PDB file of N, CA and C in Angstrom:
ATOM      1  N   MET A   1     160.706  36.921  20.772  1.00  0.00           N
ATOM      2  CA  MET A   1     159.697  36.336  21.622  1.00  0.00           C
ATOM      3  C   MET A   1     159.096  35.130  20.915  1.00  0.00           C
ATOM      4  N   VAL A   2     158.795  34.117  21.673  1.00  0.00           N
ATOM      5  CA  VAL A   2     158.213  32.893  21.143  1.00  0.00           C
ATOM      6  C   VAL A   2     156.818  33.203  20.582  1.00  0.00           C
ATOM      7  N   PRO A   3     156.511  32.721  19.370  1.00  0.00           N
ATOM      8  CA  PRO A   3     155.216  33.036  18.759  1.00  0.00           C
ATOM      9  C   PRO A   3     154.002  32.619  19.599  1.00  0.00           C
ATOM     10  N   ARG A   4     154.100  31.494  20.298  1.00  0.00           N
ATOM     11  CA  ARG A   4     152.964  31.062  21.128  1.00  0.00           C
ATOM     12  C   ARG A   4     152.717  32.028  22.276  1.00  0.00           C
ATOM     13  N   LEU A   5     153.787  32.515  22.889  1.00  0.00           N
ATOM     14  CA  LEU A   5     153.647  33.484  23.981  1.00  0.00           C
ATOM     15  C   LEU A   5     153.090  34.794  23.449  1.00  0.00           C
ATOM     16  N   ARG A   6     153.560  35.204  22.291  1.00  0.00           N
ATOM     17  CA  ARG A   6     153.067  36.436  21.668  1.00  0.00           C
ATOM     18  C   ARG A   6     151.568  36.320  21.361  1.00  0.00           C
ATOM     19  N   SER A   7     151.144  35.181  20.869  1.00  0.00           N
ATOM     20  CA  SER A   7     149.722  34.958  20.585  1.00  0.00           C
ATOM     21  C   SER A   7     148.896  34.950  21.861  1.00  0.00           C
ATOM     22  N   PHE A   8     149.405  34.335  22.906  1.00  0.00           N
ATOM     23  CA  PHE A   8     148.692  34.291  24.178  1.00  0.00           C
ATOM     24  C   PHE A   8     148.528  35.693  24.752  1.00  0.00           C
ATOM     25  N   ILE A   9     149.599  36.471  24.780  1.00  0.00           N
ATOM     26  CA  ILE A   9     149.537  37.840  25.301  1.00  0.00           C
ATOM     27  C   ILE A   9     148.595  38.680  24.450  1.00  0.00           C
ATOM     28  N   GLY A  10     148.664  38.552  23.137  1.00  0.00           N
ATOM     29  CA  GLY A  10     147.789  39.295  22.248  1.00  0.00           C
ATOM     30  C   GLY A  10     146.322  38.955  22.458  1.00  0.00           C
ATOM     31  N   THR A  11     146.041  37.671  22.679  1.00  0.00           N
ATOM     32  CA  THR A  11     144.662  37.251  22.923  1.00  0.00           C
ATOM     33  C   THR A  11     144.129  37.870  24.209  1.00  0.00           C
ATOM     34  N   ILE A  12     144.923  37.838  25.253  1.00  0.00           N
ATOM     35  CA  ILE A  12     144.519  38.447  26.522  1.00  0.00           C
ATOM     36  C   ILE A  12     144.298  39.948  26.344  1.00  0.00           C
ATOM     37  N   LEU A  13     145.180  40.614  25.608  1.00  0.00           N
ATOM     38  CA  LEU A  13     145.037  42.058  25.373  1.00  0.00           C
ATOM     39  C   LEU A  13     143.759  42.378  24.591  1.00  0.00           C
ATOM     40  N   ILE A  14     143.424  41.571  23.608  1.00  0.00           N
ATOM     41  CA  ILE A  14     142.205  41.807  22.832  1.00  0.00           C
ATOM     42  C   ILE A  14     140.965  41.616  23.698  1.00  0.00           C
ATOM     43  N   ILE A  15     140.976  40.608  24.553  1.00  0.00           N
ATOM     44  CA  ILE A  15     139.838  40.389  25.454  1.00  0.00           C
ATOM     45  C   ILE A  15     139.673  41.574  26.396  1.00  0.00           C
ATOM     46  N   ILE A  16     140.770  42.044  26.965  1.00  0.00           N
ATOM     47  CA  ILE A  16     140.720  43.212  27.850  1.00  0.00           C
ATOM     48  C   ILE A  16     140.246  44.439  27.087  1.00  0.00           C
ATOM     49  N   LEU A  17     140.744  44.620  25.871  1.00  0.00           N
ATOM     50  CA  LEU A  17     140.340  45.757  25.042  1.00  0.00           C
ATOM     51  C   LEU A  17     138.838  45.751  24.781  1.00  0.00           C
ATOM     52  N   VAL A  18     138.305  44.612  24.382  1.00  0.00           N
ATOM     53  CA  VAL A  18     136.882  44.525  24.034  1.00  0.00           C
ATOM     54  C   VAL A  18     136.005  44.781  25.253  1.00  0.00           C
ATOM     55  N   ILE A  19     136.344  44.187  26.379  1.00  0.00           N
ATOM     56  CA  ILE A  19     135.538  44.378  27.587  1.00  0.00           C
ATOM     57  C   ILE A  19     135.590  45.833  28.044  1.00  0.00           C
ATOM     58  N   THR A  20     136.786  46.395  28.116  1.00  0.00           N
ATOM     59  CA  THR A  20     136.938  47.779  28.555  1.00  0.00           C
ATOM     60  C   THR A  20     136.246  48.742  27.599  1.00  0.00           C
ATOM     61  N   TYR A  21     136.437  48.533  26.318  1.00  0.00           N
ATOM     62  CA  TYR A  21     135.837  49.414  25.321  1.00  0.00           C
ATOM     63  C   TYR A  21     134.312  49.344  25.366  1.00  0.00           C
ATOM     64  N   ALA A  22     133.771  48.148  25.507  1.00  0.00           N
ATOM     65  CA  ALA A  22     132.312  47.999  25.571  1.00  0.00           C
ATOM     66  C   ALA A  22     131.742  48.713  26.798  1.00  0.00           C
ATOM     67  N   LEU A  23     132.396  48.566  27.923  1.00  0.00           N
ATOM     68  CA  LEU A  23     131.922  49.242  29.135  1.00  0.00           C
ATOM     69  C   LEU A  23     131.996  50.757  29.005  1.00  0.00           C
ATOM     70  N   LEU A  24     133.102  51.262  28.474  1.00  0.00           N
ATOM     71  CA  LEU A  24     133.245  52.710  28.314  1.00  0.00           C
ATOM     72  C   LEU A  24     132.267  53.272  27.291  1.00  0.00           C
ATOM     73  N   ALA A  25     132.107  52.602  26.168  1.00  0.00           N
ATOM     74  CA  ALA A  25     131.197  53.093  25.135  1.00  0.00           C
ATOM     75  C   ALA A  25     129.751  53.086  25.614  1.00  0.00           C
ATOM     76  N   THR A  26     129.364  52.047  26.334  1.00  0.00           N
ATOM     77  CA  THR A  26     127.995  51.972  26.840  1.00  0.00           C
ATOM     78  C   THR A  26     127.754  53.001  27.939  1.00  0.00           C
ATOM     79  N   THR A  27     128.740  53.188  28.810  1.00  0.00           N
ATOM     80  CA  THR A  27     128.605  54.196  29.860  1.00  0.00           C
ATOM     81  C   THR A  27     128.487  55.588  29.262  1.00  0.00           C
ATOM     82  N   PHE A  28     129.316  55.879  28.300  1.00  0.00           N
ATOM     83  CA  PHE A  28     129.259  57.172  27.625  1.00  0.00           C
ATOM     84  C   PHE A  28     127.893  57.385  26.985  1.00  0.00           C
ATOM     85  N   ALA A  29     127.392  56.382  26.310  1.00  0.00           N
ATOM     86  CA  ALA A  29     126.088  56.497  25.646  1.00  0.00           C
ATOM     87  C   ALA A  29     124.963  56.683  26.656  1.00  0.00           C
ATOM     88  N   THR A  30     125.040  55.970  27.763  1.00  0.00           N
ATOM     89  CA  THR A  30     123.983  56.073  28.765  1.00  0.00           C
ATOM     90  C   THR A  30     123.973  57.441  29.425  1.00  0.00           C
ATOM     91  N   LEU A  31     125.140  57.978  29.689  1.00  0.00           N
ATOM     92  CA  LEU A  31     125.209  59.269  30.388  1.00  0.00           C
ATOM     93  C   LEU A  31     124.909  60.461  29.484  1.00  0.00           C
ATOM     94  N   LEU A  32     125.364  60.421  28.241  1.00  0.00           N
ATOM     95  CA  LEU A  32     125.273  61.607  27.398  1.00  0.00           C
ATOM     96  C   LEU A  32     124.223  61.532  26.291  1.00  0.00           C
ATOM     97  N   LEU A  33     123.775  60.351  25.934  1.00  0.00           N
ATOM     98  CA  LEU A  33     122.854  60.244  24.810  1.00  0.00           C
ATOM     99  C   LEU A  33     121.447  59.806  25.225  1.00  0.00           C
ATOM    100  N   ALA A  34     121.129  59.906  26.498  1.00  0.00           N
ATOM    101  CA  ALA A  34     119.846  59.387  26.987  1.00  0.00           C
ATOM    102  C   ALA A  34     118.644  60.067  26.329  1.00  0.00           C
ATOM    103  N   THR A  35     118.741  61.356  26.068  1.00  0.00           N
ATOM    104  CA  THR A  35     117.592  62.084  25.518  1.00  0.00           C
ATOM    105  C   THR A  35     117.739  62.369  24.025  1.00  0.00           C
ATOM    106  N   SER A  36     118.715  61.767  23.405  1.00  0.00           N
ATOM    107  CA  SER A  36     118.948  62.000  21.977  1.00  0.00           C
ATOM    108  C   SER A  36     117.962  61.204  21.131  1.00  0.00           C
ATOM    109  N   PRO A  37     117.737  61.651  19.894  1.00  0.00           N
ATOM    110  CA  PRO A  37     116.853  60.889  19.003  1.00  0.00           C
ATOM    111  C   PRO A  37     117.469  59.547  18.603  1.00  0.00           C
ATOM    112  N   TRP A  38     116.636  58.709  18.013  1.00  0.00           N
ATOM    113  CA  TRP A  38     117.073  57.359  17.671  1.00  0.00           C
ATOM    114  C   TRP A  38     118.222  57.345  16.688  1.00  0.00           C
ATOM    115  N   TRP A  39     118.279  58.301  15.751  1.00  0.00           N
ATOM    116  CA  TRP A  39     119.323  58.272  14.738  1.00  0.00           C
ATOM    117  C   TRP A  39     120.688  58.630  15.327  1.00  0.00           C
ATOM    118  N   VAL A  40     120.704  59.437  16.397  1.00  0.00           N
ATOM    119  CA  VAL A  40     121.973  59.735  17.072  1.00  0.00           C
ATOM    120  C   VAL A  40     122.498  58.463  17.744  1.00  0.00           C
ATOM    121  N   HIS A  41     121.601  57.726  18.383  1.00  0.00           N
ATOM    122  CA  HIS A  41     121.994  56.447  18.980  1.00  0.00           C
ATOM    123  C   HIS A  41     122.515  55.500  17.906  1.00  0.00           C
ATOM    124  N   PHE A  42     121.819  55.435  16.799  1.00  0.00           N
ATOM    125  CA  PHE A  42     122.224  54.554  15.709  1.00  0.00           C
ATOM    126  C   PHE A  42     123.624  54.903  15.201  1.00  0.00           C
ATOM    127  N   LEU A  43     123.855  56.190  14.928  1.00  0.00           N
ATOM    128  CA  LEU A  43     125.172  56.612  14.436  1.00  0.00           C
ATOM    129  C   LEU A  43     126.268  56.374  15.469  1.00  0.00           C
ATOM    130  N   TYR A  44     125.963  56.670  16.727  1.00  0.00           N
ATOM    131  CA  TYR A  44     126.964  56.477  17.778  1.00  0.00           C
ATOM    132  C   TYR A  44     127.367  55.008  17.875  1.00  0.00           C
ATOM    133  N   PHE A  45     126.366  54.131  17.956  1.00  0.00           N
ATOM    134  CA  PHE A  45     126.701  52.712  18.111  1.00  0.00           C
ATOM    135  C   PHE A  45     127.290  52.119  16.837  1.00  0.00           C
ATOM    136  N   LEU A  46     126.937  52.656  15.695  1.00  0.00           N
ATOM    137  CA  LEU A  46     127.552  52.211  14.444  1.00  0.00           C
ATOM    138  C   LEU A  46     129.040  52.559  14.438  1.00  0.00           C
ATOM    139  N   LEU A  47     129.353  53.804  14.753  1.00  0.00           N
ATOM    140  CA  LEU A  47     130.753  54.240  14.754  1.00  0.00           C
ATOM    141  C   LEU A  47     131.549  53.616  15.897  1.00  0.00           C
ATOM    142  N   SER A  48     130.981  53.626  17.091  1.00  0.00           N
ATOM    143  CA  SER A  48     131.718  53.066  18.225  1.00  0.00           C
ATOM    144  C   SER A  48     131.848  51.545  18.102  1.00  0.00           C
ATOM    145  N   GLY A  49     130.916  50.917  17.409  1.00  0.00           N
ATOM    146  CA  GLY A  49     131.019  49.484  17.192  1.00  0.00           C
ATOM    147  C   GLY A  49     132.137  49.101  16.243  1.00  0.00           C
ATOM    148  N   MET A  50     132.524  50.011  15.372  1.00  0.00           N
ATOM    149  CA  MET A  50     133.617  49.728  14.439  1.00  0.00           C
ATOM    150  C   MET A  50     134.957  50.275  14.932  1.00  0.00           C
ATOM    151  N   LEU A  51     134.925  51.204  15.871  1.00  0.00           N
ATOM    152  CA  LEU A  51     136.148  51.876  16.305  1.00  0.00           C
ATOM    153  C   LEU A  51     137.102  50.962  17.071  1.00  0.00           C
ATOM    154  N   TRP A  52     136.592  49.961  17.772  1.00  0.00           N
ATOM    155  CA  TRP A  52     137.462  49.078  18.534  1.00  0.00           C
ATOM    156  C   TRP A  52     138.348  48.226  17.627  1.00  0.00           C
ATOM    157  N   VAL A  53     137.993  48.146  16.367  1.00  0.00           N
ATOM    158  CA  VAL A  53     138.755  47.316  15.436  1.00  0.00           C
ATOM    159  C   VAL A  53     140.156  47.887  15.207  1.00  0.00           C
ATOM    160  N   LEU A  54     140.304  49.204  15.240  1.00  0.00           N
ATOM    161  CA  LEU A  54     141.617  49.805  14.980  1.00  0.00           C
ATOM    162  C   LEU A  54     142.684  49.362  15.992  1.00  0.00           C
ATOM    163  N   PRO A  55     142.448  49.493  17.315  1.00  0.00           N
ATOM    164  CA  PRO A  55     143.480  48.976  18.229  1.00  0.00           C
ATOM    165  C   PRO A  55     143.623  47.459  18.160  1.00  0.00           C
ATOM    166  N   ALA A  56     142.529  46.755  17.867  1.00  0.00           N
ATOM    167  CA  ALA A  56     142.621  45.292  17.748  1.00  0.00           C
ATOM    168  C   ALA A  56     143.508  44.908  16.566  1.00  0.00           C
ATOM    169  N   MET A  57     143.430  45.675  15.470  1.00  0.00           N
ATOM    170  CA  MET A  57     144.288  45.388  14.318  1.00  0.00           C
ATOM    171  C   MET A  57     145.759  45.565  14.675  1.00  0.00           C
ATOM    172  N   LEU A  58     146.065  46.573  15.475  1.00  0.00           N
ATOM    173  CA  LEU A  58     147.452  46.780  15.895  1.00  0.00           C
ATOM    174  C   LEU A  58     147.945  45.612  16.753  1.00  0.00           C
ATOM    175  N   ILE A  59     147.083  45.132  17.644  1.00  0.00           N
ATOM    176  CA  ILE A  59     147.465  43.989  18.479  1.00  0.00           C
ATOM    177  C   ILE A  59     147.674  42.752  17.615  1.00  0.00           C
ATOM    178  N   ILE A  60     146.788  42.519  16.658  1.00  0.00           N
ATOM    179  CA  ILE A  60     146.923  41.352  15.783  1.00  0.00           C
ATOM    180  C   ILE A  60     148.179  41.459  14.929  1.00  0.00           C
ATOM    181  N   LYS A  61     148.492  42.665  14.471  1.00  0.00           N
ATOM    182  CA  LYS A  61     149.720  42.866  13.694  1.00  0.00           C
ATOM    183  C   LYS A  61     150.945  42.557  14.551  1.00  0.00           C
ATOM    184  N   TRP A  62     150.910  42.968  15.813  1.00  0.00           N
ATOM    185  CA  TRP A  62     152.008  42.665  16.723  1.00  0.00           C
ATOM    186  C   TRP A  62     152.099  41.159  16.972  1.00  0.00           C
ATOM    187  N   MET A  63     150.933  40.507  17.085  1.00  0.00           N
ATOM    188  CA  MET A  63     150.917  39.060  17.321  1.00  0.00           C
ATOM    189  C   MET A  63     151.540  38.291  16.159  1.00  0.00           C
ATOM    190  N   ALA A  64     151.393  38.808  14.953  1.00  0.00           N
ATOM    191  CA  ALA A  64     151.929  38.129  13.780  1.00  0.00           C
ATOM    192  C   ALA A  64     153.456  38.137  13.773  1.00  0.00           C
ATOM    193  N   GLY A  65     154.041  39.064  14.473  1.00  0.00           N
ATOM    194  CA  GLY A  65     155.501  39.115  14.560  1.00  0.00           C
ATOM    195  C   GLY A  65     156.110  39.874  13.406  1.00  0.00           C
ATOM    196  N   PRO A  66     157.439  39.919  13.372  1.00  0.00           N
ATOM    197  CA  PRO A  66     158.119  40.627  12.289  1.00  0.00           C
ATOM    198  C   PRO A  66     157.924  39.935  10.943  1.00  0.00           C
ATOM    199  N   LYS A  67     158.035  40.712   9.881  1.00  0.00           N
ATOM    200  CA  LYS A  67     157.885  40.151   8.530  1.00  0.00           C
ATOM    201  C   LYS A  67     159.074  39.231   8.238  1.00  0.00           C
ATOM    202  N   PRO A  68     158.853  38.187   7.454  1.00  0.00           N
ATOM    203  CA  PRO A  68     159.898  37.193   7.201  1.00  0.00           C
ATOM    204  C   PRO A  68     161.184  37.739   6.594  1.00  0.00           C
ATOM    205  N   GLY A  69     161.231  38.824   5.951  1.00  0.00           N
ATOM    206  CA  GLY A  69     162.451  39.317   5.327  1.00  0.00           C
ATOM    207  C   GLY A  69     163.324  40.164   6.246  1.00  0.00           C
ATOM    208  N   LYS A  70     162.880  40.383   7.464  1.00  0.00           N
ATOM    209  CA  LYS A  70     163.616  41.317   8.346  1.00  0.00           C
ATOM    210  C   LYS A  70     164.298  40.619   9.472  1.00  0.00           C
TER     211      LYS A  70
END
């Protein structure tokens, strides 16, 4: 696959991932954590704020293409 096309598709996938993940994480927090103490909210948003990075790293790794020796 052409590297420019791979980068374009990866960029679109990351944008979709971030928007979808933000909506789901916020909806989950609003529905289930409404009466929780402040530290539960803090821990939830701390963890959920870092969790989206894992699938984004996979997309970025795919965007980089195969390693030069293969």
